[in-house]
Structure formats: structure tokens, C-alpha cells
Amino acid sequence: MRRQSAEKSVMATRHLRREIALMLAIKAALLYGIWFAFFSEPQLPKMSEGMDPGRVASTLIPPKTTATSPNP
């Protein structure tokens, strides 16, 4: 009796491992498909032309201000 339940437990574990591996593979394929469809290339071919990295950085990151504290 114990041997049969142990065999069923092993079979159930193998089945669960197979299902989890299959679902992870499907999810990875779907994520790759979404990335490829929407994020692999710019929307417009000339979208990245004329982008000066310094200009973009100065627009996105405000200049540092040195504020003096009121307490000496």
C-alpha cells in the first residue's frame, strides 16, 4: 500500500514539474514575442537620428544647484 502511494506521489511530482516547465517555456516565448513586436526597434527609422546625448541628459536631468543652508 505504501509503495503504491509513493509511486503515485513520484508520478504527481514529475507531472507537476513537467507542467511548470512547459508553462515557463510558454511564458518566455510570449514575453519574447511581445518584446520583438513592440520594443525591438524604434517606431520610426529616423527616430534616433539627431539625438545628442548631452542635450537629452540636460533636458531630463535638472542641473545641480548648490543651496546654502541658513545655519552656518
PDB file of N, CA and C in Angstrom:
ATOM      1  N   MET A   1       0.816  -1.194   0.000  1.00  0.00           N
ATOM      2  CA  MET A   1       0.000   0.000   0.000  1.00  0.00           C
ATOM      3  C   MET A   1       0.862   1.261   0.000  1.00  0.00           C
ATOM      4  N   ARG A   2       1.879   1.278   0.843  1.00  0.00           N
ATOM      5  CA  ARG A   2       2.750   2.443   0.893  1.00  0.00           C
ATOM      6  C   ARG A   2       3.510   2.621  -0.413  1.00  0.00           C
ATOM      7  N   ARG A   3       3.877   1.513  -1.018  1.00  0.00           N
ATOM      8  CA  ARG A   3       4.638   1.583  -2.257  1.00  0.00           C
ATOM      9  C   ARG A   3       3.803   2.216  -3.368  1.00  0.00           C
ATOM     10  N   GLN A   4       2.526   1.873  -3.424  1.00  0.00           N
ATOM     11  CA  GLN A   4       1.649   2.447  -4.445  1.00  0.00           C
ATOM     12  C   GLN A   4       1.470   3.944  -4.228  1.00  0.00           C
ATOM     13  N   SER A   5       1.294   4.352  -2.992  1.00  0.00           N
ATOM     14  CA  SER A   5       1.123   5.780  -2.736  1.00  0.00           C
ATOM     15  C   SER A   5       2.419   6.540  -2.999  1.00  0.00           C
ATOM     16  N   ALA A   6       3.564   5.905  -2.727  1.00  0.00           N
ATOM     17  CA  ALA A   6       4.850   6.540  -3.021  1.00  0.00           C
ATOM     18  C   ALA A   6       5.034   6.692  -4.527  1.00  0.00           C
ATOM     19  N   GLU A   7       4.641   5.678  -5.291  1.00  0.00           N
ATOM     20  CA  GLU A   7       4.748   5.759  -6.747  1.00  0.00           C
ATOM     21  C   GLU A   7       3.826   6.841  -7.300  1.00  0.00           C
ATOM     22  N   LYS A   8       2.624   6.946  -6.732  1.00  0.00           N
ATOM     23  CA  LYS A   8       1.698   7.991  -7.175  1.00  0.00           C
ATOM     24  C   LYS A   8       2.256   9.371  -6.863  1.00  0.00           C
ATOM     25  N   SER A   9       2.890   9.498  -5.715  1.00  0.00           N
ATOM     26  CA  SER A   9       3.481  10.771  -5.322  1.00  0.00           C
ATOM     27  C   SER A   9       4.610  11.166  -6.274  1.00  0.00           C
ATOM     28  N   VAL A  10       5.442  10.198  -6.626  1.00  0.00           N
ATOM     29  CA  VAL A  10       6.540  10.459  -7.559  1.00  0.00           C
ATOM     30  C   VAL A  10       5.988  10.844  -8.921  1.00  0.00           C
ATOM     31  N   MET A  11       4.961  10.144  -9.378  1.00  0.00           N
ATOM     32  CA  MET A  11       4.363  10.455 -10.677  1.00  0.00           C
ATOM     33  C   MET A  11       3.730  11.842 -10.657  1.00  0.00           C
ATOM     34  N   ALA A  12       3.075  12.188  -9.545  1.00  0.00           N
ATOM     35  CA  ALA A  12       2.460  13.507  -9.442  1.00  0.00           C
ATOM     36  C   ALA A  12       3.526  14.597  -9.458  1.00  0.00           C
ATOM     37  N   THR A  13       4.635  14.355  -8.779  1.00  0.00           N
ATOM     38  CA  THR A  13       5.727  15.329  -8.756  1.00  0.00           C
ATOM     39  C   THR A  13       6.305  15.518 -10.153  1.00  0.00           C
ATOM     40  N   ARG A  14       6.508  14.426 -10.866  1.00  0.00           N
ATOM     41  CA  ARG A  14       7.026  14.524 -12.233  1.00  0.00           C
ATOM     42  C   ARG A  14       6.056  15.284 -13.127  1.00  0.00           C
ATOM     43  N   HIS A  15       4.776  14.997 -12.960  1.00  0.00           N
ATOM     44  CA  HIS A  15       3.757  15.663 -13.760  1.00  0.00           C
ATOM     45  C   HIS A  15       3.757  17.171 -13.480  1.00  0.00           C
ATOM     46  N   LEU A  16       3.845  17.539 -12.212  1.00  0.00           N
ATOM     47  CA  LEU A  16       3.873  18.957 -11.855  1.00  0.00           C
ATOM     48  C   LEU A  16       5.120  19.644 -12.398  1.00  0.00           C
ATOM     49  N   ARG A  17       6.254  18.979 -12.308  1.00  0.00           N
ATOM     50  CA  ARG A  17       7.491  19.557 -12.851  1.00  0.00           C
ATOM     51  C   ARG A  17       7.364  19.793 -14.347  1.00  0.00           C
ATOM     52  N   ARG A  18       6.789  18.825 -15.041  1.00  0.00           N
ATOM     53  CA  ARG A  18       6.615  18.949 -16.488  1.00  0.00           C
ATOM     54  C   ARG A  18       5.680  20.111 -16.818  1.00  0.00           C
ATOM     55  N   GLU A  19       4.581  20.222 -16.070  1.00  0.00           N
ATOM     56  CA  GLU A  19       3.639  21.313 -16.312  1.00  0.00           C
ATOM     57  C   GLU A  19       4.267  22.673 -16.040  1.00  0.00           C
ATOM     58  N   ILE A  20       5.003  22.785 -14.947  1.00  0.00           N
ATOM     59  CA  ILE A  20       5.649  24.055 -14.614  1.00  0.00           C
ATOM     60  C   ILE A  20       6.678  24.425 -15.669  1.00  0.00           C
ATOM     61  N   ALA A  21       7.481  23.463 -16.104  1.00  0.00           N
ATOM     62  CA  ALA A  21       8.484  23.731 -17.137  1.00  0.00           C
ATOM     63  C   ALA A  21       7.819  24.162 -18.441  1.00  0.00           C
ATOM     64  N   LEU A  22       6.725  23.509 -18.792  1.00  0.00           N
ATOM     65  CA  LEU A  22       6.009  23.865 -20.014  1.00  0.00           C
ATOM     66  C   LEU A  22       5.437  25.277 -19.922  1.00  0.00           C
ATOM     67  N   MET A  23       4.847  25.615 -18.792  1.00  0.00           N
ATOM     68  CA  MET A  23       4.268  26.950 -18.627  1.00  0.00           C
ATOM     69  C   MET A  23       5.350  28.028 -18.642  1.00  0.00           C
ATOM     70  N   LEU A  24       6.500  27.757 -18.032  1.00  0.00           N
ATOM     71  CA  LEU A  24       7.593  28.725 -18.067  1.00  0.00           C
ATOM     72  C   LEU A  24       8.108  28.926 -19.486  1.00  0.00           C
ATOM     73  N   ALA A  25       8.192  27.856 -20.253  1.00  0.00           N
ATOM     74  CA  ALA A  25       8.637  27.968 -21.641  1.00  0.00           C
ATOM     75  C   ALA A  25       7.642  28.779 -22.464  1.00  0.00           C
ATOM     76  N   ILE A  26       6.354  28.550 -22.247  1.00  0.00           N
ATOM     77  CA  ILE A  26       5.327  29.305 -22.971  1.00  0.00           C
ATOM     78  C   ILE A  26       5.385  30.779 -22.593  1.00  0.00           C
ATOM     79  N   LYS A  27       5.534  31.071 -21.310  1.00  0.00           N
ATOM     80  CA  LYS A  27       5.616  32.464 -20.868  1.00  0.00           C
ATOM     81  C   LYS A  27       6.845  33.156 -21.450  1.00  0.00           C
ATOM     82  N   ALA A  28       7.972  32.459 -21.468  1.00  0.00           N
ATOM     83  CA  ALA A  28       9.185  33.043 -22.038  1.00  0.00           C
ATOM     84  C   ALA A  28       8.995  33.340 -23.522  1.00  0.00           C
ATOM     85  N   ALA A  29       8.357  32.438 -24.240  1.00  0.00           N
ATOM     86  CA  ALA A  29       8.104  32.656 -25.665  1.00  0.00           C
ATOM     87  C   ALA A  29       7.160  33.839 -25.880  1.00  0.00           C
ATOM     88  N   LEU A  30       6.134  33.946 -25.055  1.00  0.00           N
ATOM     89  CA  LEU A  30       5.209  35.075 -25.177  1.00  0.00           C
ATOM     90  C   LEU A  30       5.893  36.397 -24.853  1.00  0.00           C
ATOM     91  N   LEU A  31       6.709  36.429 -23.816  1.00  0.00           N
ATOM     92  CA  LEU A  31       7.432  37.660 -23.482  1.00  0.00           C
ATOM     93  C   LEU A  31       8.380  38.066 -24.606  1.00  0.00           C
ATOM     94  N   TYR A  32       9.061  37.094 -25.194  1.00  0.00           N
ATOM     95  CA  TYR A  32       9.940  37.401 -26.320  1.00  0.00           C
ATOM     96  C   TYR A  32       9.134  37.944 -27.494  1.00  0.00           C
ATOM     97  N   GLY A  33       7.979  37.351 -27.755  1.00  0.00           N
ATOM     98  CA  GLY A  33       7.133  37.830 -28.847  1.00  0.00           C
ATOM     99  C   GLY A  33       6.657  39.254 -28.618  1.00  0.00           C
ATOM    100  N   ILE A  34       6.269  39.569 -27.391  1.00  0.00           N
ATOM    101  CA  ILE A  34       5.843  40.938 -27.075  1.00  0.00           C
ATOM    102  C   ILE A  34       7.011  41.902 -27.231  1.00  0.00           C
ATOM    103  N   TRP A  35       8.184  41.523 -26.718  1.00  0.00           N
ATOM    104  CA  TRP A  35       9.352  42.389 -26.864  1.00  0.00           C
ATOM    105  C   TRP A  35       9.677  42.608 -28.339  1.00  0.00           C
ATOM    106  N   PHE A  36       9.676  41.546 -29.113  1.00  0.00           N
ATOM    107  CA  PHE A  36      10.023  41.657 -30.528  1.00  0.00           C
ATOM    108  C   PHE A  36       9.015  42.527 -31.269  1.00  0.00           C
ATOM    109  N   ALA A  37       7.737  42.393 -30.941  1.00  0.00           N
ATOM    110  CA  ALA A  37       6.700  43.141 -31.648  1.00  0.00           C
ATOM    111  C   ALA A  37       6.711  44.625 -31.304  1.00  0.00           C
ATOM    112  N   PHE A  38       7.011  44.959 -30.056  1.00  0.00           N
ATOM    113  CA  PHE A  38       6.835  46.346 -29.639  1.00  0.00           C
ATOM    114  C   PHE A  38       8.115  47.087 -29.281  1.00  0.00           C
ATOM    115  N   PHE A  39       9.167  46.405 -28.865  1.00  0.00           N
ATOM    116  CA  PHE A  39      10.318  47.103 -28.316  1.00  0.00           C
ATOM    117  C   PHE A  39      11.642  46.825 -29.007  1.00  0.00           C
ATOM    118  N   SER A  40      11.694  46.005 -30.009  1.00  0.00           N
ATOM    119  CA  SER A  40      12.979  45.631 -30.593  1.00  0.00           C
ATOM    120  C   SER A  40      13.573  46.734 -31.468  1.00  0.00           C
ATOM    121  N   GLU A  41      12.744  47.565 -32.072  1.00  0.00           N
ATOM    122  CA  GLU A  41      13.232  48.632 -32.943  1.00  0.00           C
ATOM    123  C   GLU A  41      12.444  49.904 -32.672  1.00  0.00           C
ATOM    124  N   PRO A  42      13.030  51.065 -33.004  1.00  0.00           N
ATOM    125  CA  PRO A  42      12.259  52.306 -32.863  1.00  0.00           C
ATOM    126  C   PRO A  42      11.046  52.291 -33.792  1.00  0.00           C
ATOM    127  N   GLN A  43      10.036  53.060 -33.438  1.00  0.00           N
ATOM    128  CA  GLN A  43       8.831  53.086 -34.260  1.00  0.00           C
ATOM    129  C   GLN A  43       9.106  53.706 -35.627  1.00  0.00           C
ATOM    130  N   LEU A  44       9.925  54.725 -35.646  1.00  0.00           N
ATOM    131  CA  LEU A  44      10.279  55.370 -36.903  1.00  0.00           C
ATOM    132  C   LEU A  44      11.756  55.140 -37.170  1.00  0.00           C
ATOM    133  N   PRO A  45      12.131  54.896 -38.423  1.00  0.00           N
ATOM    134  CA  PRO A  45      13.542  54.641 -38.717  1.00  0.00           C
ATOM    135  C   PRO A  45      14.456  55.793 -38.319  1.00  0.00           C
ATOM    136  N   LYS A  46      13.996  57.031 -38.485  1.00  0.00           N
ATOM    137  CA  LYS A  46      14.845  58.184 -38.185  1.00  0.00           C
ATOM    138  C   LYS A  46      14.591  58.727 -36.778  1.00  0.00           C
ATOM    139  N   MET A  47      13.998  57.927 -35.929  1.00  0.00           N
ATOM    140  CA  MET A  47      13.626  58.392 -34.602  1.00  0.00           C
ATOM    141  C   MET A  47      14.841  58.723 -33.734  1.00  0.00           C
ATOM    142  N   SER A  48      15.913  57.989 -33.898  1.00  0.00           N
ATOM    143  CA  SER A  48      17.078  58.211 -33.049  1.00  0.00           C
ATOM    144  C   SER A  48      18.119  59.123 -33.687  1.00  0.00           C
ATOM    145  N   GLU A  49      17.912  59.563 -34.922  1.00  0.00           N
ATOM    146  CA  GLU A  49      18.858  60.467 -35.562  1.00  0.00           C
ATOM    147  C   GLU A  49      18.729  61.858 -34.954  1.00  0.00           C
ATOM    148  N   GLY A  50      19.846  62.535 -34.825  1.00  0.00           N
ATOM    149  CA  GLY A  50      19.837  63.892 -34.307  1.00  0.00           C
ATOM    150  C   GLY A  50      19.667  63.979 -32.802  1.00  0.00           C
ATOM    151  N   MET A  51      19.769  62.858 -32.121  1.00  0.00           N
ATOM    152  CA  MET A  51      19.645  62.865 -30.666  1.00  0.00           C
ATOM    153  C   MET A  51      21.032  63.021 -30.060  1.00  0.00           C
ATOM    154  N   ASP A  52      21.329  64.191 -29.580  1.00  0.00           N
ATOM    155  CA  ASP A  52      22.595  64.441 -28.910  1.00  0.00           C
ATOM    156  C   ASP A  52      22.464  63.983 -27.460  1.00  0.00           C
ATOM    157  N   PRO A  53      23.287  63.047 -27.014  1.00  0.00           N
ATOM    158  CA  PRO A  53      23.149  62.533 -25.645  1.00  0.00           C
ATOM    159  C   PRO A  53      23.259  63.615 -24.577  1.00  0.00           C
ATOM    160  N   GLY A  54      24.127  64.590 -24.781  1.00  0.00           N
ATOM    161  CA  GLY A  54      24.267  65.673 -23.805  1.00  0.00           C
ATOM    162  C   GLY A  54      23.007  66.516 -23.712  1.00  0.00           C
ATOM    163  N   ARG A  55      22.408  66.786 -24.852  1.00  0.00           N
ATOM    164  CA  ARG A  55      21.176  67.582 -24.872  1.00  0.00           C
ATOM    165  C   ARG A  55      20.024  66.825 -24.204  1.00  0.00           C
ATOM    166  N   VAL A  56      19.936  65.544 -24.488  1.00  0.00           N
ATOM    167  CA  VAL A  56      18.891  64.730 -23.870  1.00  0.00           C
ATOM    168  C   VAL A  56      19.094  64.677 -22.358  1.00  0.00           C
ATOM    169  N   ALA A  57      20.332  64.490 -21.924  1.00  0.00           N
ATOM    170  CA  ALA A  57      20.619  64.429 -20.489  1.00  0.00           C
ATOM    171  C   ALA A  57      20.302  65.745 -19.809  1.00  0.00           C
ATOM    172  N   SER A  58      20.646  66.863 -20.453  1.00  0.00           N
ATOM    173  CA  SER A  58      20.361  68.158 -19.825  1.00  0.00           C
ATOM    174  C   SER A  58      18.864  68.427 -19.758  1.00  0.00           C
ATOM    175  N   THR A  59      18.110  67.862 -20.672  1.00  0.00           N
ATOM    176  CA  THR A  59      16.661  68.033 -20.639  1.00  0.00           C
ATOM    177  C   THR A  59      16.030  67.164 -19.561  1.00  0.00           C
ATOM    178  N   LEU A  60      16.492  65.942 -19.438  1.00  0.00           N
ATOM    179  CA  LEU A  60      15.888  65.011 -18.487  1.00  0.00           C
ATOM    180  C   LEU A  60      16.384  65.196 -17.057  1.00  0.00           C
ATOM    181  N   ILE A  61      17.653  65.560 -16.903  1.00  0.00           N
ATOM    182  CA  ILE A  61      18.237  65.690 -15.569  1.00  0.00           C
ATOM    183  C   ILE A  61      18.454  67.171 -15.289  1.00  0.00           C
ATOM    184  N   PRO A  62      17.788  67.721 -14.286  1.00  0.00           N
ATOM    185  CA  PRO A  62      17.955  69.146 -13.993  1.00  0.00           C
ATOM    186  C   PRO A  62      19.367  69.424 -13.477  1.00  0.00           C
ATOM    187  N   PRO A  63      19.860  70.638 -13.713  1.00  0.00           N
ATOM    188  CA  PRO A  63      21.209  70.961 -13.233  1.00  0.00           C
ATOM    189  C   PRO A  63      21.253  70.973 -11.706  1.00  0.00           C
ATOM    190  N   LYS A  64      22.411  70.629 -11.184  1.00  0.00           N
ATOM    191  CA  LYS A  64      22.577  70.618  -9.730  1.00  0.00           C
ATOM    192  C   LYS A  64      22.657  72.058  -9.224  1.00  0.00           C
ATOM    193  N   THR A  65      21.943  72.316  -8.162  1.00  0.00           N
ATOM    194  CA  THR A  65      22.005  73.641  -7.544  1.00  0.00           C
ATOM    195  C   THR A  65      22.678  73.494  -6.192  1.00  0.00           C
ATOM    196  N   THR A  66      23.529  74.437  -5.903  1.00  0.00           N
ATOM    197  CA  THR A  66      24.203  74.418  -4.609  1.00  0.00           C
ATOM    198  C   THR A  66      23.474  75.384  -3.699  1.00  0.00           C
ATOM    199  N   ALA A  67      22.630  74.844  -2.891  1.00  0.00           N
ATOM    200  CA  ALA A  67      21.863  75.667  -1.960  1.00  0.00           C
ATOM    201  C   ALA A  67      22.650  75.816  -0.670  1.00  0.00           C
ATOM    202  N   THR A  68      22.724  77.043  -0.217  1.00  0.00           N
ATOM    203  CA  THR A  68      23.412  77.276   1.047  1.00  0.00           C
ATOM    204  C   THR A  68      22.424  77.108   2.181  1.00  0.00           C
ATOM    205  N   SER A  69      22.878  76.476   3.220  1.00  0.00           N
ATOM    206  CA  SER A  69      21.987  76.254   4.353  1.00  0.00           C
ATOM    207  C   SER A  69      21.911  77.526   5.196  1.00  0.00           C
ATOM    208  N   PRO A  70      20.761  77.815   5.783  1.00  0.00           N
ATOM    209  CA  PRO A  70      20.630  79.038   6.580  1.00  0.00           C
ATOM    210  C   PRO A  70      21.433  78.971   7.879  1.00  0.00           C
ATOM    211  N   ASN A  71      21.754  77.787   8.335  1.00  0.00           N
ATOM    212  CA  ASN A  71      22.541  77.642   9.565  1.00  0.00           C
ATOM    213  C   ASN A  71      24.012  77.524   9.221  1.00  0.00           C
ATOM    214  N   PRO A  72      24.863  78.398   9.759  1.00  0.00           N
ATOM    215  CA  PRO A  72      26.308  78.326   9.430  1.00  0.00           C
ATOM    216  C   PRO A  72      27.004  77.168  10.066  1.00  0.00           C
TER     217      PRO A  72
END
